[in-house]
Amino acid sequence: TPFWGWVMLLSTYIVFICGIYAVFVSSWMPVTGSVVLDAIRSDQYYCLLLPLMLPVSFYAVTWNWMGMKLFRHN
């Protein structure tokens, strides 16, 4: 239904904005005093996850496409 489509679109937008903040913006922000925001700021995991996720995703999509082609044509 259109309602659930808008809910999915809005939730995707919120996750995208939070991810961009966690990966790029938070490292340039000053110490805020908030436990959650300062933990995101000092994190060293997610800033490396995004650049490494791109080649792994490309690899997975390529092999899934290859498997689909082999399944369809055999």
N, C-alpha and C. Protein backbone atom coordinates (compact mmCIF):
# COMPACT_ATOMS: atom_id res chain seq x y z
N THR A 1 0.83 -1.18 0.00
CA THR A 1 0.00 0.00 0.00
C THR A 1 0.88 1.24 0.00
N PRO A 2 0.36 2.36 -0.43
CA PRO A 2 1.17 3.59 -0.47
C PRO A 2 1.66 4.03 0.91
N PHE A 3 0.86 3.78 1.95
CA PHE A 3 1.29 4.18 3.29
C PHE A 3 2.59 3.49 3.69
N TRP A 4 2.67 2.17 3.49
CA TRP A 4 3.87 1.44 3.88
C TRP A 4 5.04 1.78 2.97
N GLY A 5 4.75 2.17 1.75
CA GLY A 5 5.82 2.65 0.87
C GLY A 5 6.45 3.92 1.42
N TRP A 6 5.61 4.85 1.88
CA TRP A 6 6.13 6.09 2.47
C TRP A 6 6.86 5.82 3.77
N VAL A 7 6.37 4.86 4.57
CA VAL A 7 7.05 4.50 5.81
C VAL A 7 8.44 3.94 5.51
N MET A 8 8.55 3.07 4.53
CA MET A 8 9.84 2.52 4.15
C MET A 8 10.77 3.60 3.61
N LEU A 9 10.23 4.50 2.81
CA LEU A 9 11.04 5.58 2.26
C LEU A 9 11.56 6.50 3.36
N LEU A 10 10.71 6.85 4.30
CA LEU A 10 11.11 7.71 5.40
C LEU A 10 12.13 7.02 6.31
N SER A 11 11.92 5.75 6.60
CA SER A 11 12.88 5.03 7.45
C SER A 11 14.23 4.87 6.76
N THR A 12 14.23 4.66 5.45
CA THR A 12 15.48 4.59 4.71
C THR A 12 16.21 5.92 4.76
N TYR A 13 15.48 7.01 4.63
CA TYR A 13 16.08 8.34 4.70
C TYR A 13 16.69 8.59 6.08
N ILE A 14 16.00 8.21 7.13
CA ILE A 14 16.50 8.41 8.49
C ILE A 14 17.76 7.58 8.74
N VAL A 15 17.76 6.33 8.31
CA VAL A 15 18.94 5.48 8.47
C VAL A 15 20.12 6.04 7.67
N PHE A 16 19.86 6.55 6.48
CA PHE A 16 20.92 7.13 5.65
C PHE A 16 21.53 8.35 6.33
N ILE A 17 20.70 9.24 6.84
CA ILE A 17 21.20 10.45 7.50
C ILE A 17 21.99 10.09 8.76
N CYS A 18 21.49 9.15 9.55
CA CYS A 18 22.22 8.73 10.76
C CYS A 18 23.55 8.07 10.40
N GLY A 19 23.57 7.30 9.34
CA GLY A 19 24.81 6.66 8.90
C GLY A 19 25.83 7.67 8.41
N ILE A 20 25.38 8.66 7.63
CA ILE A 20 26.29 9.70 7.16
C ILE A 20 26.85 10.48 8.34
N TYR A 21 26.03 10.77 9.33
CA TYR A 21 26.51 11.46 10.52
C TYR A 21 27.55 10.61 11.25
N ALA A 22 27.27 9.32 11.42
CA ALA A 22 28.17 8.45 12.18
C ALA A 22 29.50 8.26 11.46
N VAL A 23 29.48 8.23 10.13
CA VAL A 23 30.71 7.95 9.39
C VAL A 23 31.51 9.21 9.13
N PHE A 24 30.88 10.29 8.69
CA PHE A 24 31.62 11.45 8.23
C PHE A 24 31.58 12.64 9.19
N VAL A 25 30.42 13.04 9.63
CA VAL A 25 30.25 14.30 10.35
C VAL A 25 30.74 14.20 11.79
N SER A 26 30.53 13.07 12.44
CA SER A 26 30.82 12.98 13.88
C SER A 26 32.30 13.15 14.21
N SER A 27 33.19 12.80 13.30
CA SER A 27 34.61 12.94 13.60
C SER A 27 35.04 14.40 13.63
N TRP A 28 34.31 15.30 13.00
CA TRP A 28 34.65 16.73 12.99
C TRP A 28 33.92 17.53 14.07
N MET A 29 33.01 16.89 14.78
CA MET A 29 32.25 17.60 15.81
C MET A 29 33.06 17.70 17.09
N PRO A 30 32.88 18.77 17.86
CA PRO A 30 33.56 18.86 19.16
C PRO A 30 32.92 17.92 20.18
N VAL A 31 33.57 17.75 21.30
CA VAL A 31 33.02 16.91 22.38
C VAL A 31 31.76 17.58 22.90
N THR A 32 30.66 16.82 22.92
CA THR A 32 29.36 17.40 23.26
C THR A 32 28.97 17.19 24.70
N GLY A 33 29.52 16.18 25.35
CA GLY A 33 29.09 15.86 26.70
C GLY A 33 28.02 14.78 26.74
N SER A 34 27.42 14.49 25.60
CA SER A 34 26.43 13.42 25.50
C SER A 34 27.17 12.09 25.35
N VAL A 35 26.77 11.10 26.12
CA VAL A 35 27.46 9.81 26.10
C VAL A 35 27.34 9.15 24.73
N VAL A 36 26.15 9.17 24.15
CA VAL A 36 25.91 8.51 22.87
C VAL A 36 26.67 9.21 21.74
N LEU A 37 26.55 10.53 21.65
CA LEU A 37 27.21 11.26 20.57
C LEU A 37 28.73 11.20 20.68
N ASP A 38 29.26 11.23 21.90
CA ASP A 38 30.71 11.13 22.07
C ASP A 38 31.21 9.72 21.77
N ALA A 39 30.40 8.70 22.04
CA ALA A 39 30.79 7.33 21.68
C ALA A 39 30.83 7.16 20.17
N ILE A 40 29.87 7.76 19.47
CA ILE A 40 29.89 7.71 18.00
C ILE A 40 31.09 8.47 17.47
N ARG A 41 31.42 9.59 18.11
CA ARG A 41 32.54 10.42 17.67
C ARG A 41 33.87 9.70 17.81
N SER A 42 34.06 8.94 18.87
CA SER A 42 35.34 8.27 19.12
C SER A 42 35.41 6.87 18.53
N ASP A 43 34.39 6.43 17.82
CA ASP A 43 34.35 5.09 17.26
C ASP A 43 35.32 4.96 16.09
N GLN A 44 35.99 3.82 15.99
CA GLN A 44 36.92 3.57 14.89
C GLN A 44 36.45 2.44 13.98
N TYR A 45 35.29 1.90 14.21
CA TYR A 45 34.80 0.77 13.43
C TYR A 45 34.02 1.21 12.20
N TYR A 46 33.01 2.04 12.38
CA TYR A 46 32.12 2.39 11.28
C TYR A 46 32.77 3.32 10.27
N CYS A 47 33.79 4.07 10.67
CA CYS A 47 34.48 4.91 9.69
C CYS A 47 35.25 4.06 8.70
N LEU A 48 35.60 2.84 9.05
CA LEU A 48 36.28 1.93 8.14
C LEU A 48 35.31 0.98 7.45
N LEU A 49 34.14 0.80 8.03
CA LEU A 49 33.18 -0.15 7.48
C LEU A 49 32.63 0.30 6.13
N LEU A 50 32.29 1.56 6.00
CA LEU A 50 31.68 2.04 4.76
C LEU A 50 32.62 1.92 3.56
N PRO A 51 33.87 2.38 3.63
CA PRO A 51 34.74 2.21 2.46
C PRO A 51 35.00 0.74 2.12
N LEU A 52 35.05 -0.13 3.11
CA LEU A 52 35.29 -1.54 2.82
C LEU A 52 34.03 -2.26 2.37
N MET A 53 32.86 -1.70 2.67
CA MET A 53 31.61 -2.33 2.28
C MET A 53 31.37 -2.21 0.77
N LEU A 54 31.87 -1.17 0.15
CA LEU A 54 31.64 -0.97 -1.28
C LEU A 54 32.26 -2.07 -2.14
N PRO A 55 33.56 -2.41 -2.01
CA PRO A 55 34.09 -3.50 -2.84
C PRO A 55 33.49 -4.87 -2.50
N VAL A 56 33.17 -5.10 -1.24
CA VAL A 56 32.56 -6.37 -0.86
C VAL A 56 31.17 -6.49 -1.45
N SER A 57 30.42 -5.40 -1.46
CA SER A 57 29.08 -5.41 -2.07
C SER A 57 29.17 -5.65 -3.57
N PHE A 58 30.13 -5.02 -4.22
CA PHE A 58 30.32 -5.24 -5.66
C PHE A 58 30.64 -6.71 -5.93
N TYR A 59 31.51 -7.30 -5.13
CA TYR A 59 31.87 -8.70 -5.27
C TYR A 59 30.64 -9.60 -5.09
N ALA A 60 29.84 -9.34 -4.06
CA ALA A 60 28.66 -10.16 -3.78
C ALA A 60 27.62 -10.04 -4.89
N VAL A 61 27.40 -8.81 -5.37
CA VAL A 61 26.42 -8.61 -6.44
C VAL A 61 26.88 -9.30 -7.71
N THR A 62 28.17 -9.22 -8.02
CA THR A 62 28.69 -9.86 -9.22
C THR A 62 28.51 -11.37 -9.16
N TRP A 63 28.85 -11.99 -8.04
CA TRP A 63 28.70 -13.43 -7.94
C TRP A 63 27.24 -13.87 -7.90
N ASN A 64 26.37 -13.08 -7.31
CA ASN A 64 24.94 -13.41 -7.34
C ASN A 64 24.39 -13.32 -8.75
N TRP A 65 24.83 -12.32 -9.50
CA TRP A 65 24.40 -12.19 -10.89
C TRP A 65 24.89 -13.38 -11.70
N MET A 66 26.16 -13.79 -11.47
CA MET A 66 26.72 -14.93 -12.20
C MET A 66 25.96 -16.20 -11.86
N GLY A 67 25.61 -16.41 -10.60
CA GLY A 67 24.84 -17.58 -10.21
C GLY A 67 23.46 -17.59 -10.84
N MET A 68 22.83 -16.42 -10.94
CA MET A 68 21.52 -16.34 -11.58
C MET A 68 21.62 -16.69 -13.05
N LYS A 69 22.66 -16.21 -13.73
CA LYS A 69 22.83 -16.52 -15.15
C LYS A 69 23.08 -18.01 -15.36
N LEU A 70 23.91 -18.61 -14.52
CA LEU A 70 24.17 -20.04 -14.66
C LEU A 70 22.92 -20.86 -14.37
N PHE A 71 22.12 -20.46 -13.40
CA PHE A 71 20.90 -21.18 -13.07
C PHE A 71 19.88 -21.08 -14.20
N ARG A 72 19.75 -19.91 -14.80
CA ARG A 72 18.74 -19.72 -15.85
C ARG A 72 19.10 -20.44 -17.14
N HIS A 73 20.38 -20.50 -17.48
CA HIS A 73 20.77 -21.01 -18.79
C HIS A 73 21.22 -22.47 -18.74
N ASN A 74 21.05 -23.14 -17.63
CA ASN A 74 21.39 -24.57 -17.57
C ASN A 74 20.16 -25.40 -17.32
